[in-house]
């Protein structure tokens, strides 16, 4: 079937960073699989491929439901921190910053928001930082119980570029997650409202397919009207204005020393060393929580990460270090 695209849309096919495929048995359903090496980092090119694919599905009259999933062992580790993009050549710094937050961040999320067709996020493994935003901007978010999501850059890099959480899980939970940078499991995300539902990992494919087929059985017009009605209710409460404002805070927060330290370590020692510097004092909690969820399950009170042994050990290590520092300072006096 030929899909007529907007005349100003640059053709990005064949896609290099995603896989676009209609369900061979049900043409009403399209699956877009993130297909970037290793951990499906959200590079600029991947996001541009994703936007093109979303608009392609939107304009295909056979398609009624879109699924976004990650290829390989994880959904996505977040924005591509190994790449450097020059958004400033030939333009002012202010315009450059606006381009960065618009094209590399919010434009993609609002593309999902503004689509007439429902988008389902199918989440396994990790959905971190920018990927945590991607999955929450989808209309339906279905996570494996032991999947891990969160926004660790709030600890030493920036505020999220699109603060949507307060509208989903309430101010108290949203503020706690933003202040702490804590990871949560898929089960916790569903319990507090950041996900629609969570299921055992081996039931994820089956559940997503069932939801997609049930949605596809609703008339196209009512899918549109019901999605728009819910979205407009959120916008009337100020969601869009707040998201646009926090985009500016996101870029502003990158100007502070903590972010410079992360970048300097990354340049000198590599990305893994920078992440260890950022998360080490928290007990490497993202990987530790993932391991605990896989081995011991997810039947713990929110936040489960407080039950992780390495997290408790990190607190005790910090106490001991501060006590020793205080003792040394007294000796010097």
C-alpha atoms as a PDB file:
ATOM      1  CA  UNK A   1       0.000   0.000   0.000  1.00  0.00           C
ATOM      2  CA  UNK A   2       1.357   3.448  -0.959  1.00  0.00           C
ATOM      3  CA  UNK A   3       1.372   5.916   1.943  1.00  0.00           C
ATOM      4  CA  UNK A   4       1.277   9.593   0.982  1.00  0.00           C
ATOM      5  CA  UNK A   5       3.632  11.519   3.266  1.00  0.00           C
ATOM      6  CA  UNK A   6       3.663  15.281   3.941  1.00  0.00           C
ATOM      7  CA  UNK A   7       5.557  17.057   1.145  1.00  0.00           C
ATOM      8  CA  UNK A   8       8.063  18.571   3.609  1.00  0.00           C
ATOM      9  CA  UNK A   9       8.900  15.231   5.276  1.00  0.00           C
ATOM     10  CA  UNK A  10      12.387  14.028   4.361  1.00  0.00           C
ATOM     11  CA  UNK A  11      12.336  10.371   3.353  1.00  0.00           C
ATOM     12  CA  UNK A  12      14.428   8.380   5.862  1.00  0.00           C
ATOM     13  CA  UNK A  13      13.775   4.927   4.447  1.00  0.00           C
ATOM     14  CA  UNK A  14      15.342   2.434   4.500  1.00  0.00           C
ATOM     15  CA  UNK A  15      15.616   2.994   8.249  1.00  0.00           C
ATOM     16  CA  UNK A  16      19.056   2.535   9.778  1.00  0.00           C
ATOM     17  CA  UNK A  17      18.119   2.659  13.475  1.00  0.00           C
ATOM     18  CA  UNK A  18      14.666   1.090  13.738  1.00  0.00           C
ATOM     19  CA  UNK A  19      12.682  -1.776  12.228  1.00  0.00           C
ATOM     20  CA  UNK A  20       9.229  -0.945  10.878  1.00  0.00           C
ATOM     21  CA  UNK A  21       6.913  -3.866  10.235  1.00  0.00           C
ATOM     22  CA  UNK A  22       3.220  -4.518   9.934  1.00  0.00           C
ATOM     23  CA  UNK A  23       1.882  -7.552  11.712  1.00  0.00           C
ATOM     24  CA  UNK A  24       1.829 -10.187   8.944  1.00  0.00           C
ATOM     25  CA  UNK A  25      -1.496 -11.548  10.212  1.00  0.00           C
ATOM     26  CA  UNK A  26      -3.128  -8.243  11.149  1.00  0.00           C
ATOM     27  CA  UNK A  27      -2.350  -5.188   8.994  1.00  0.00           C
ATOM     28  CA  UNK A  28      -4.060  -2.955  11.573  1.00  0.00           C
ATOM     29  CA  UNK A  29      -1.016  -3.239  13.845  1.00  0.00           C
ATOM     30  CA  UNK A  30       2.475  -1.817  13.235  1.00  0.00           C
ATOM     31  CA  UNK A  31       5.524  -2.608  15.347  1.00  0.00           C
ATOM     32  CA  UNK A  32       8.391  -0.128  15.487  1.00  0.00           C
ATOM     33  CA  UNK A  33      11.464  -1.775  17.034  1.00  0.00           C
ATOM     34  CA  UNK A  34      14.344   0.362  18.309  1.00  0.00           C
ATOM     35  CA  UNK A  35      17.399  -1.196  16.687  1.00  0.00           C
ATOM     36  CA  UNK A  36      20.479   0.756  17.752  1.00  0.00           C
ATOM     37  CA  UNK A  37      23.649  -1.200  18.682  1.00  0.00           C
ATOM     38  CA  UNK A  38      23.920  -2.660  22.193  1.00  0.00           C
ATOM     39  CA  UNK A  39      21.305  -0.798  24.286  1.00  0.00           C
ATOM     40  CA  UNK A  40      19.144   1.082  21.743  1.00  0.00           C
ATOM     41  CA  UNK A  41      20.499   4.487  22.718  1.00  0.00           C
ATOM     42  CA  UNK A  42      18.247   7.292  21.538  1.00  0.00           C
ATOM     43  CA  UNK A  43      20.568   8.962  19.065  1.00  0.00           C
ATOM     44  CA  UNK A  44      19.395  11.911  17.011  1.00  0.00           C
ATOM     45  CA  UNK A  45      19.178   9.713  13.908  1.00  0.00           C
ATOM     46  CA  UNK A  46      17.171   7.054  15.742  1.00  0.00           C
ATOM     47  CA  UNK A  47      14.699   9.673  16.958  1.00  0.00           C
ATOM     48  CA  UNK A  48      14.348  11.122  13.469  1.00  0.00           C
ATOM     49  CA  UNK A  49      13.733   7.612  12.113  1.00  0.00           C
ATOM     50  CA  UNK A  50      11.155   7.077  14.854  1.00  0.00           C
ATOM     51  CA  UNK A  51       9.343  10.302  14.026  1.00  0.00           C
ATOM     52  CA  UNK A  52       9.237   9.422  10.328  1.00  0.00           C
ATOM     53  CA  UNK A  53       7.932   5.931  11.127  1.00  0.00           C
ATOM     54  CA  UNK A  54       5.231   7.275  13.440  1.00  0.00           C
ATOM     55  CA  UNK A  55       3.972   9.664  10.773  1.00  0.00           C
ATOM     56  CA  UNK A  56       4.108   6.875   8.186  1.00  0.00           C
ATOM     57  CA  UNK A  57       1.894   4.704  10.384  1.00  0.00           C
ATOM     58  CA  UNK A  58      -0.397   7.644  11.084  1.00  0.00           C
ATOM     59  CA  UNK A  59      -1.017   8.203   7.378  1.00  0.00           C
ATOM     60  CA  UNK A  60      -1.426   4.527   6.484  1.00  0.00           C
ATOM     61  CA  UNK A  61      -5.171   3.891   6.327  1.00  0.00           C
ATOM     62  CA  UNK A  62      -4.734   0.195   7.145  1.00  0.00           C
ATOM     63  CA  UNK A  63      -3.000   0.915  10.469  1.00  0.00           C
ATOM     64  CA  UNK A  64      -4.971   1.527  13.664  1.00  0.00           C
ATOM     65  CA  UNK A  65      -2.474   0.811  16.478  1.00  0.00           C
ATOM     66  CA  UNK A  66       1.293   1.402  16.797  1.00  0.00           C
ATOM     67  CA  UNK A  67       3.609  -0.554  19.109  1.00  0.00           C
ATOM     68  CA  UNK A  68       7.073   0.730  20.076  1.00  0.00           C
ATOM     69  CA  UNK A  69       9.457  -1.871  21.515  1.00  0.00           C
ATOM     70  CA  UNK A  70      13.174  -2.407  21.947  1.00  0.00           C
ATOM     71  CA  UNK A  71      15.210  -4.970  20.068  1.00  0.00           C
ATOM     72  CA  UNK A  72      17.631  -7.221  21.937  1.00  0.00           C
ATOM     73  CA  UNK A  73      18.109  -7.299  25.693  1.00  0.00           C
ATOM     74  CA  UNK A  74      16.564  -3.962  26.636  1.00  0.00           C
ATOM     75  CA  UNK A  75      14.062  -1.309  25.591  1.00  0.00           C
ATOM     76  CA  UNK A  76      16.535   1.598  25.711  1.00  0.00           C
ATOM     77  CA  UNK A  77      19.256   2.962  27.989  1.00  0.00           C
ATOM     78  CA  UNK A  78      18.207   6.530  27.121  1.00  0.00           C
ATOM     79  CA  UNK A  79      19.720   9.323  25.095  1.00  0.00           C
ATOM     80  CA  UNK A  80      22.983   8.576  23.312  1.00  0.00           C
ATOM     81  CA  UNK A  81      25.644  10.036  25.624  1.00  0.00           C
ATOM     82  CA  UNK A  82      28.527   8.882  23.437  1.00  0.00           C
ATOM     83  CA  UNK A  83      27.618  11.248  20.605  1.00  0.00           C
ATOM     84  CA  UNK A  84      28.248  14.959  20.282  1.00  0.00           C
ATOM     85  CA  UNK A  85      25.910  17.077  18.197  1.00  0.00           C
ATOM     86  CA  UNK A  86      26.621  20.589  17.001  1.00  0.00           C
ATOM     87  CA  UNK A  87      23.337  22.477  17.018  1.00  0.00           C
ATOM     88  CA  UNK A  88      25.036  25.878  17.042  1.00  0.00           C
ATOM     89  CA  UNK A  89      26.953  26.259  13.811  1.00  0.00           C
ATOM     90  CA  UNK A  90      25.952  29.499  12.127  1.00  0.00           C
ATOM     91  CA  UNK A  91      23.242  30.470  14.661  1.00  0.00           C
ATOM     92  CA  UNK A  92      22.996  32.118  18.070  1.00  0.00           C
ATOM     93  CA  UNK A  93      23.326  30.162  21.326  1.00  0.00           C
ATOM     94  CA  UNK A  94      19.687  30.826  22.254  1.00  0.00           C
ATOM     95  CA  UNK A  95      18.383  29.535  18.939  1.00  0.00           C
ATOM     96  CA  UNK A  96      20.737  26.556  19.256  1.00  0.00           C
ATOM     97  CA  UNK A  97      19.347  25.642  22.675  1.00  0.00           C
ATOM     98  CA  UNK A  98      15.794  25.970  21.405  1.00  0.00           C
ATOM     99  CA  UNK A  99      16.581  23.705  18.443  1.00  0.00           C
ATOM    100  CA  UNK A 100      18.160  21.145  20.764  1.00  0.00           C
ATOM    101  CA  UNK A 101      15.213  20.862  23.146  1.00  0.00           C
ATOM    102  CA  UNK A 102      12.668  21.049  20.339  1.00  0.00           C
ATOM    103  CA  UNK A 103      14.092  18.608  17.790  1.00  0.00           C
ATOM    104  CA  UNK A 104      16.061  16.230  19.995  1.00  0.00           C
ATOM    105  CA  UNK A 105      13.511  16.021  22.791  1.00  0.00           C
ATOM    106  CA  UNK A 106      10.037  17.484  22.866  1.00  0.00           C
ATOM    107  CA  UNK A 107       9.180  17.354  19.179  1.00  0.00           C
ATOM    108  CA  UNK A 108       9.319  13.544  19.249  1.00  0.00           C
ATOM    109  CA  UNK A 109       7.198  13.216  22.383  1.00  0.00           C
ATOM    110  CA  UNK A 110       4.555  15.628  21.117  1.00  0.00           C
ATOM    111  CA  UNK A 111       4.485  13.755  17.805  1.00  0.00           C
ATOM    112  CA  UNK A 112       3.266  10.728  19.787  1.00  0.00           C
ATOM    113  CA  UNK A 113       0.892  12.931  21.774  1.00  0.00           C
ATOM    114  CA  UNK A 114      -0.626  14.502  18.660  1.00  0.00           C
ATOM    115  CA  UNK A 115      -1.015  11.331  16.595  1.00  0.00           C
ATOM    116  CA  UNK A 116      -4.593  10.319  15.895  1.00  0.00           C
ATOM    117  CA  UNK A 117      -3.744   6.661  16.541  1.00  0.00           C
ATOM    118  CA  UNK A 118      -2.891   5.063  19.890  1.00  0.00           C
ATOM    119  CA  UNK A 119       0.740   4.180  20.581  1.00  0.00           C
ATOM    120  CA  UNK A 120       1.688   1.328  22.924  1.00  0.00           C
ATOM    121  CA  UNK A 121       5.083   1.113  24.628  1.00  0.00           C
ATOM    122  CA  UNK A 122       6.245  -2.482  25.201  1.00  0.00           C
ATOM    123  CA  UNK A 123       8.980  -2.325  27.821  1.00  0.00           C
ATOM    124  CA  UNK A 124      11.511  -4.949  28.889  1.00  0.00           C
ATOM    125  CA  UNK A 125      14.945  -4.582  30.446  1.00  0.00           C
ATOM    126  CA  UNK A 126      15.693  -0.912  31.033  1.00  0.00           C
ATOM    127  CA  UNK A 127      13.948   2.308  30.012  1.00  0.00           C
ATOM    128  CA  UNK A 128      16.223   4.975  31.438  1.00  0.00           C
ATOM    129  CA  UNK A 129      16.438   8.766  31.240  1.00  0.00           C
ATOM    130  CA  UNK A 130      15.119   9.824  27.819  1.00  0.00           C
ATOM    131  CA  UNK A 131      13.631   6.364  27.319  1.00  0.00           C
ATOM    132  CA  UNK A 132      11.656   6.769  30.556  1.00  0.00           C
ATOM    133  CA  UNK A 133      10.074   9.800  28.922  1.00  0.00           C
ATOM    134  CA  UNK A 134       9.430   7.979  25.655  1.00  0.00           C
ATOM    135  CA  UNK A 135       7.492   5.191  27.356  1.00  0.00           C
ATOM    136  CA  UNK A 136       5.367   7.547  29.472  1.00  0.00           C
ATOM    137  CA  UNK A 137       4.445   9.685  26.468  1.00  0.00           C
ATOM    138  CA  UNK A 138       2.980   6.653  24.734  1.00  0.00           C
ATOM    139  CA  UNK A 139      -0.782   6.316  25.175  1.00  0.00           C
ATOM    140  CA  UNK A 140      -0.524   2.854  26.738  1.00  0.00           C
ATOM    141  CA  UNK A 141       2.593   1.683  28.603  1.00  0.00           C
ATOM    142  CA  UNK A 142       2.946  -2.035  29.293  1.00  0.00           C
ATOM    143  CA  UNK A 143       6.032  -3.098  31.239  1.00  0.00           C
ATOM    144  CA  UNK A 144       7.545  -6.347  32.373  1.00  0.00           C
ATOM    145  CA  UNK A 145       7.328  -6.586  36.168  1.00  0.00           C
ATOM    146  CA  UNK A 146      11.125  -6.727  36.436  1.00  0.00           C
ATOM    147  CA  UNK A 147      11.833  -3.946  33.923  1.00  0.00           C
ATOM    148  CA  UNK A 148      13.574  -0.899  35.385  1.00  0.00           C
ATOM    149  CA  UNK A 149      12.830   2.739  34.643  1.00  0.00           C
ATOM    150  CA  UNK A 150      13.913   6.085  36.075  1.00  0.00           C
ATOM    151  CA  UNK A 151      15.815   9.277  35.331  1.00  0.00           C
ATOM    152  CA  UNK A 152      19.313   9.027  36.903  1.00  0.00           C
ATOM    153  CA  UNK A 153      20.592  12.291  35.313  1.00  0.00           C
ATOM    154  CA  UNK A 154      18.623  14.250  37.961  1.00  0.00           C
ATOM    155  CA  UNK A 155      21.444  13.347  40.368  1.00  0.00           C
ATOM    156  CA  UNK A 156      24.270  15.119  38.602  1.00  0.00           C
ATOM    157  CA  UNK A 157      23.333  16.309  35.121  1.00  0.00           C
ATOM    158  CA  UNK A 158      19.924  17.890  34.565  1.00  0.00           C
ATOM    159  CA  UNK A 159      16.234  17.982  35.281  1.00  0.00           C
ATOM    160  CA  UNK A 160      14.204  15.851  32.851  1.00  0.00           C
ATOM    161  CA  UNK A 161      13.650  17.624  29.547  1.00  0.00           C
ATOM    162  CA  UNK A 162       9.896  16.947  29.671  1.00  0.00           C
ATOM    163  CA  UNK A 163       8.440  16.779  33.174  1.00  0.00           C
ATOM    164  CA  UNK A 164       5.232  14.849  32.593  1.00  0.00           C
ATOM    165  CA  UNK A 165       5.296  12.708  35.737  1.00  0.00           C
ATOM    166  CA  UNK A 166       3.290  14.975  38.101  1.00  0.00           C
ATOM    167  CA  UNK A 167       0.230  14.514  35.867  1.00  0.00           C
ATOM    168  CA  UNK A 168       0.631  10.735  35.857  1.00  0.00           C
ATOM    169  CA  UNK A 169       1.614   9.715  39.376  1.00  0.00           C
ATOM    170  CA  UNK A 170       0.844  12.820  41.445  1.00  0.00           C
ATOM    171  CA  UNK A 171       3.076  15.499  42.879  1.00  0.00           C
ATOM    172  CA  UNK A 172       4.482  13.568  45.860  1.00  0.00           C
ATOM    173  CA  UNK A 173       5.666  10.512  43.937  1.00  0.00           C
ATOM    174  CA  UNK A 174       6.861  12.584  40.973  1.00  0.00           C
ATOM    175  CA  UNK A 175       8.809  14.969  43.152  1.00  0.00           C
ATOM    176  CA  UNK A 176      10.384  12.093  45.099  1.00  0.00           C
ATOM    177  CA  UNK A 177      11.541  10.356  41.915  1.00  0.00           C
ATOM    178  CA  UNK A 178      12.925  13.592  40.472  1.00  0.00           C
ATOM    179  CA  UNK A 179      14.739  14.605  43.672  1.00  0.00           C
ATOM    180  CA  UNK A 180      16.242  11.167  44.251  1.00  0.00           C
ATOM    181  CA  UNK A 181      16.777   9.865  40.721  1.00  0.00           C
ATOM    182  CA  UNK A 182      15.573   6.522  42.091  1.00  0.00           C
ATOM    183  CA  UNK A 183      14.946   3.561  39.804  1.00  0.00           C
ATOM    184  CA  UNK A 184      11.630   1.728  40.029  1.00  0.00           C
ATOM    185  CA  UNK A 185      10.444  -1.604  38.682  1.00  0.00           C
ATOM    186  CA  UNK A 186       7.783  -2.048  36.030  1.00  0.00           C
ATOM    187  CA  UNK A 187       5.459  -3.294  38.748  1.00  0.00           C
ATOM    188  CA  UNK A 188       5.995  -0.120  40.788  1.00  0.00           C
ATOM    189  CA  UNK A 189       5.534   2.044  37.686  1.00  0.00           C
ATOM    190  CA  UNK A 190       2.125   0.474  37.135  1.00  0.00           C
ATOM    191  CA  UNK A 191       1.175   0.807  40.793  1.00  0.00           C
ATOM    192  CA  UNK A 192       1.894   4.543  40.930  1.00  0.00           C
ATOM    193  CA  UNK A 193       0.582   5.448  37.474  1.00  0.00           C
ATOM    194  CA  UNK A 194       3.702   5.813  35.316  1.00  0.00           C
ATOM    195  CA  UNK A 195       2.682   2.680  33.417  1.00  0.00           C
ATOM    196  CA  UNK A 196      -0.709   1.348  32.388  1.00  0.00           C
ATOM    197  CA  UNK A 197       0.035  -2.174  33.596  1.00  0.00           C
ATOM    198  CA  UNK A 198       2.861  -4.600  34.281  1.00  0.00           C
ATOM    199  CA  UNK A 199       3.018  -8.331  33.640  1.00  0.00           C
ATOM    200  CA  UNK A 200       5.529 -11.143  34.108  1.00  0.00           C
ATOM    201  CA  UNK A 201       8.295 -10.845  31.514  1.00  0.00           C
ATOM    202  CA  UNK A 202       7.250 -14.055  29.756  1.00  0.00           C
ATOM    203  CA  UNK A 203       3.731 -12.670  29.289  1.00  0.00           C
ATOM    204  CA  UNK A 204       4.786  -9.308  27.829  1.00  0.00           C
ATOM    205  CA  UNK A 205       4.498 -10.130  24.103  1.00  0.00           C
ATOM    206  CA  UNK A 206       1.195 -11.906  24.586  1.00  0.00           C
ATOM    207  CA  UNK A 207      -0.311  -9.082  26.654  1.00  0.00           C
ATOM    208  CA  UNK A 208       0.770  -6.331  24.275  1.00  0.00           C
ATOM    209  CA  UNK A 209      -0.671  -8.208  21.312  1.00  0.00           C
ATOM    210  CA  UNK A 210      -3.976  -8.709  23.115  1.00  0.00           C
ATOM    211  CA  UNK A 211      -4.236  -5.005  24.019  1.00  0.00           C
ATOM    212  CA  UNK A 212      -3.304  -3.948  20.474  1.00  0.00           C
ATOM    213  CA  UNK A 213      -5.906  -6.226  18.877  1.00  0.00           C
ATOM    214  CA  UNK A 214      -8.627  -5.069  21.247  1.00  0.00           C
ATOM    215  CA  UNK A 215      -7.849  -1.412  20.532  1.00  0.00           C
ATOM    216  CA  UNK A 216      -7.763  -2.133  16.796  1.00  0.00           C
ATOM    217  CA  UNK A 217     -11.335  -3.423  17.073  1.00  0.00           C
ATOM    218  CA  UNK A 218     -12.560   0.052  18.039  1.00  0.00           C
ATOM    219  CA  UNK A 219     -13.548   2.364  15.192  1.00  0.00           C
ATOM    220  CA  UNK A 220     -10.807   4.703  13.990  1.00  0.00           C
ATOM    221  CA  UNK A 221     -12.873   7.799  14.729  1.00  0.00           C
ATOM    222  CA  UNK A 222     -13.536   6.826  18.347  1.00  0.00           C
ATOM    223  CA  UNK A 223      -9.888   5.964  18.941  1.00  0.00           C
ATOM    224  CA  UNK A 224      -9.083   9.492  17.809  1.00  0.00           C
ATOM    225  CA  UNK A 225     -11.818  11.252  19.772  1.00  0.00           C
ATOM    226  CA  UNK A 226     -11.164   9.374  23.014  1.00  0.00           C
ATOM    227  CA  UNK A 227      -7.415   9.975  22.792  1.00  0.00           C
ATOM    228  CA  UNK A 228      -7.907  13.663  22.063  1.00  0.00           C
ATOM    229  CA  UNK A 229     -10.444  14.052  24.885  1.00  0.00           C
ATOM    230  CA  UNK A 230      -8.037  12.621  27.455  1.00  0.00           C
ATOM    231  CA  UNK A 231      -5.084  14.621  26.111  1.00  0.00           C
ATOM    232  CA  UNK A 232      -6.992  17.881  26.051  1.00  0.00           C
ATOM    233  CA  UNK A 233      -8.028  17.384  29.685  1.00  0.00           C
ATOM    234  CA  UNK A 234      -4.339  17.175  30.611  1.00  0.00           C
ATOM    235  CA  UNK A 235      -3.491  20.252  28.562  1.00  0.00           C
ATOM    236  CA  UNK A 236      -6.261  22.269  30.221  1.00  0.00           C
ATOM    237  CA  UNK A 237      -4.546  21.477  33.538  1.00  0.00           C
ATOM    238  CA  UNK A 238      -1.391  23.115  32.201  1.00  0.00           C
ATOM    239  CA  UNK A 239       0.626  20.071  31.153  1.00  0.00           C
ATOM    240  CA  UNK A 240       1.886  21.380  27.813  1.00  0.00           C
ATOM    241  CA  UNK A 241       2.988  24.743  29.213  1.00  0.00           C
ATOM    242  CA  UNK A 242       4.831  23.058  32.098  1.00  0.00           C
ATOM    243  CA  UNK A 243       6.570  20.614  29.752  1.00  0.00           C
ATOM    244  CA  UNK A 244       7.746  23.420  27.474  1.00  0.00           C
ATOM    245  CA  UNK A 245       9.020  25.390  30.480  1.00  0.00           C
ATOM    246  CA  UNK A 246      10.970  22.484  31.961  1.00  0.00           C
ATOM    247  CA  UNK A 247      12.652  22.021  28.603  1.00  0.00           C
ATOM    248  CA  UNK A 248      14.351  25.361  29.215  1.00  0.00           C
ATOM    249  CA  UNK A 249      15.304  24.271  32.754  1.00  0.00           C
ATOM    250  CA  UNK A 250      16.791  21.096  31.278  1.00  0.00           C
ATOM    251  CA  UNK A 251      19.181  23.016  29.041  1.00  0.00           C
ATOM    252  CA  UNK A 252      19.951  25.567  31.778  1.00  0.00           C
ATOM    253  CA  UNK A 253      20.867  22.835  34.266  1.00  0.00           C
ATOM    254  CA  UNK A 254      23.534  21.575  31.849  1.00  0.00           C
ATOM    255  CA  UNK A 255      25.512  24.766  32.516  1.00  0.00           C
ATOM    256  CA  UNK A 256      26.343  23.883  36.148  1.00  0.00           C
ATOM    257  CA  UNK A 257      29.563  22.302  37.522  1.00  0.00           C
ATOM    258  CA  UNK A 258      28.089  18.838  38.255  1.00  0.00           C
ATOM    259  CA  UNK A 259      27.221  18.358  34.612  1.00  0.00           C
ATOM    260  CA  UNK A 260      30.654  19.569  33.577  1.00  0.00           C
ATOM    261  CA  UNK A 261      32.227  17.008  35.911  1.00  0.00           C
ATOM    262  CA  UNK A 262      30.241  14.178  34.329  1.00  0.00           C
ATOM    263  CA  UNK A 263      31.273  15.340  30.859  1.00  0.00           C
ATOM    264  CA  UNK A 264      34.936  15.715  31.845  1.00  0.00           C
ATOM    265  CA  UNK A 265      35.072  12.189  33.289  1.00  0.00           C
ATOM    266  CA  UNK A 266      33.338  10.819  30.192  1.00  0.00           C
ATOM    267  CA  UNK A 267      35.906  12.465  27.921  1.00  0.00           C
ATOM    268  CA  UNK A 268      38.885  11.371  30.012  1.00  0.00           C
ATOM    269  CA  UNK A 269      37.865   7.873  31.115  1.00  0.00           C
ATOM    270  CA  UNK A 270      34.828   6.898  29.086  1.00  0.00           C
ATOM    271  CA  UNK A 271      31.069   6.770  29.608  1.00  0.00           C
ATOM    272  CA  UNK A 272      31.138   3.789  31.998  1.00  0.00           C
ATOM    273  CA  UNK A 273      33.454   5.673  34.373  1.00  0.00           C
ATOM    274  CA  UNK A 274      31.201   8.747  34.280  1.00  0.00           C
ATOM    275  CA  UNK A 275      28.120   6.654  35.082  1.00  0.00           C
ATOM    276  CA  UNK A 276      29.982   4.929  37.926  1.00  0.00           C
ATOM    277  CA  UNK A 277      30.928   8.358  39.306  1.00  0.00           C
ATOM    278  CA  UNK A 278      27.301   9.473  39.150  1.00  0.00           C
ATOM    279  CA  UNK A 279      25.614   6.330  40.480  1.00  0.00           C
ATOM    280  CA  UNK A 280      28.334   4.691  42.587  1.00  0.00           C
ATOM    281  CA  UNK A 281      27.478   6.630  45.727  1.00  0.00           C
ATOM    282  CA  UNK A 282      23.907   5.298  45.381  1.00  0.00           C
ATOM    283  CA  UNK A 283      25.021   1.665  45.374  1.00  0.00           C
ATOM    284  CA  UNK A 284      24.842   1.240  41.591  1.00  0.00           C
ATOM    285  CA  UNK A 285      21.126   1.016  42.272  1.00  0.00           C
ATOM    286  CA  UNK A 286      19.785   0.722  38.711  1.00  0.00           C
ATOM    287  CA  UNK A 287      21.708  -2.458  37.928  1.00  0.00           C
ATOM    288  CA  UNK A 288      21.329  -3.742  41.492  1.00  0.00           C
ATOM    289  CA  UNK A 289      17.557  -3.289  41.466  1.00  0.00           C
ATOM    290  CA  UNK A 290      17.300  -5.041  38.101  1.00  0.00           C
ATOM    291  CA  UNK A 291      19.248  -8.004  39.471  1.00  0.00           C
ATOM    292  CA  UNK A 292      17.113  -8.137  42.613  1.00  0.00           C
ATOM    293  CA  UNK A 293      13.864  -7.946  40.632  1.00  0.00           C
ATOM    294  CA  UNK A 294      14.959 -10.807  38.390  1.00  0.00           C
ATOM    295  CA  UNK A 295      16.234 -13.031  41.208  1.00  0.00           C
ATOM    296  CA  UNK A 296      13.912 -12.201  44.117  1.00  0.00           C
ATOM    297  CA  UNK A 297      10.823 -10.789  42.447  1.00  0.00           C
ATOM    298  CA  UNK A 298       8.998  -7.482  42.810  1.00  0.00           C
ATOM    299  CA  UNK A 299       6.696  -8.027  45.790  1.00  0.00           C
ATOM    300  CA  UNK A 300       8.179  -5.234  47.873  1.00  0.00           C
ATOM    301  CA  UNK A 301       6.730  -1.900  49.059  1.00  0.00           C
ATOM    302  CA  UNK A 302       7.512   1.262  47.117  1.00  0.00           C
ATOM    303  CA  UNK A 303      10.332   2.067  46.661  1.00  0.00           C
ATOM    304  CA  UNK A 304      11.809  -1.407  46.284  1.00  0.00           C
ATOM    305  CA  UNK A 305      15.261   0.066  45.729  1.00  0.00           C
ATOM    306  CA  UNK A 306      15.468   0.803  49.478  1.00  0.00           C
ATOM    307  CA  UNK A 307      15.579  -2.974  50.045  1.00  0.00           C
ATOM    308  CA  UNK A 308      18.601  -3.483  47.792  1.00  0.00           C
ATOM    309  CA  UNK A 309      21.668  -4.513  49.891  1.00  0.00           C
ATOM    310  CA  UNK A 310      24.161  -2.432  47.889  1.00  0.00           C
ATOM    311  CA  UNK A 311      22.022   0.676  48.436  1.00  0.00           C
ATOM    312  CA  UNK A 312      22.096   0.178  52.212  1.00  0.00           C
ATOM    313  CA  UNK A 313      25.828  -0.507  52.060  1.00  0.00           C
ATOM    314  CA  UNK A 314      26.390   2.747  50.162  1.00  0.00           C
ATOM    315  CA  UNK A 315      24.621   4.678  52.944  1.00  0.00           C
ATOM    316  CA  UNK A 316      26.790   3.055  55.611  1.00  0.00           C
ATOM    317  CA  UNK A 317      29.930   3.719  53.565  1.00  0.00           C
ATOM    318  CA  UNK A 318      28.971   7.380  53.258  1.00  0.00           C
ATOM    319  CA  UNK A 319      28.369   7.614  57.026  1.00  0.00           C
ATOM    320  CA  UNK A 320      31.768   6.092  57.763  1.00  0.00           C
ATOM    321  CA  UNK A 321      33.513   8.427  55.317  1.00  0.00           C
ATOM    322  CA  UNK A 322      31.870  11.496  56.853  1.00  0.00           C
ATOM    323  CA  UNK A 323      32.726  10.348  60.340  1.00  0.00           C
ATOM    324  CA  UNK A 324      36.370   9.842  59.358  1.00  0.00           C
ATOM    325  CA  UNK A 325      36.470  13.254  57.655  1.00  0.00           C
ATOM    326  CA  UNK A 326      35.057  14.905  60.757  1.00  0.00           C
ATOM    327  CA  UNK A 327      37.660  13.165  62.928  1.00  0.00           C
ATOM    328  CA  UNK A 328      40.505  14.260  60.650  1.00  0.00           C
ATOM    329  CA  UNK A 329      39.263  17.860  60.692  1.00  0.00           C
ATOM    330  CA  UNK A 330      39.325  17.853  64.485  1.00  0.00           C
ATOM    331  CA  UNK A 331      42.939  16.593  64.498  1.00  0.00           C
ATOM    332  CA  UNK A 332      43.977  19.389  62.142  1.00  0.00           C
ATOM    333  CA  UNK A 333      42.519  21.976  64.531  1.00  0.00           C
END
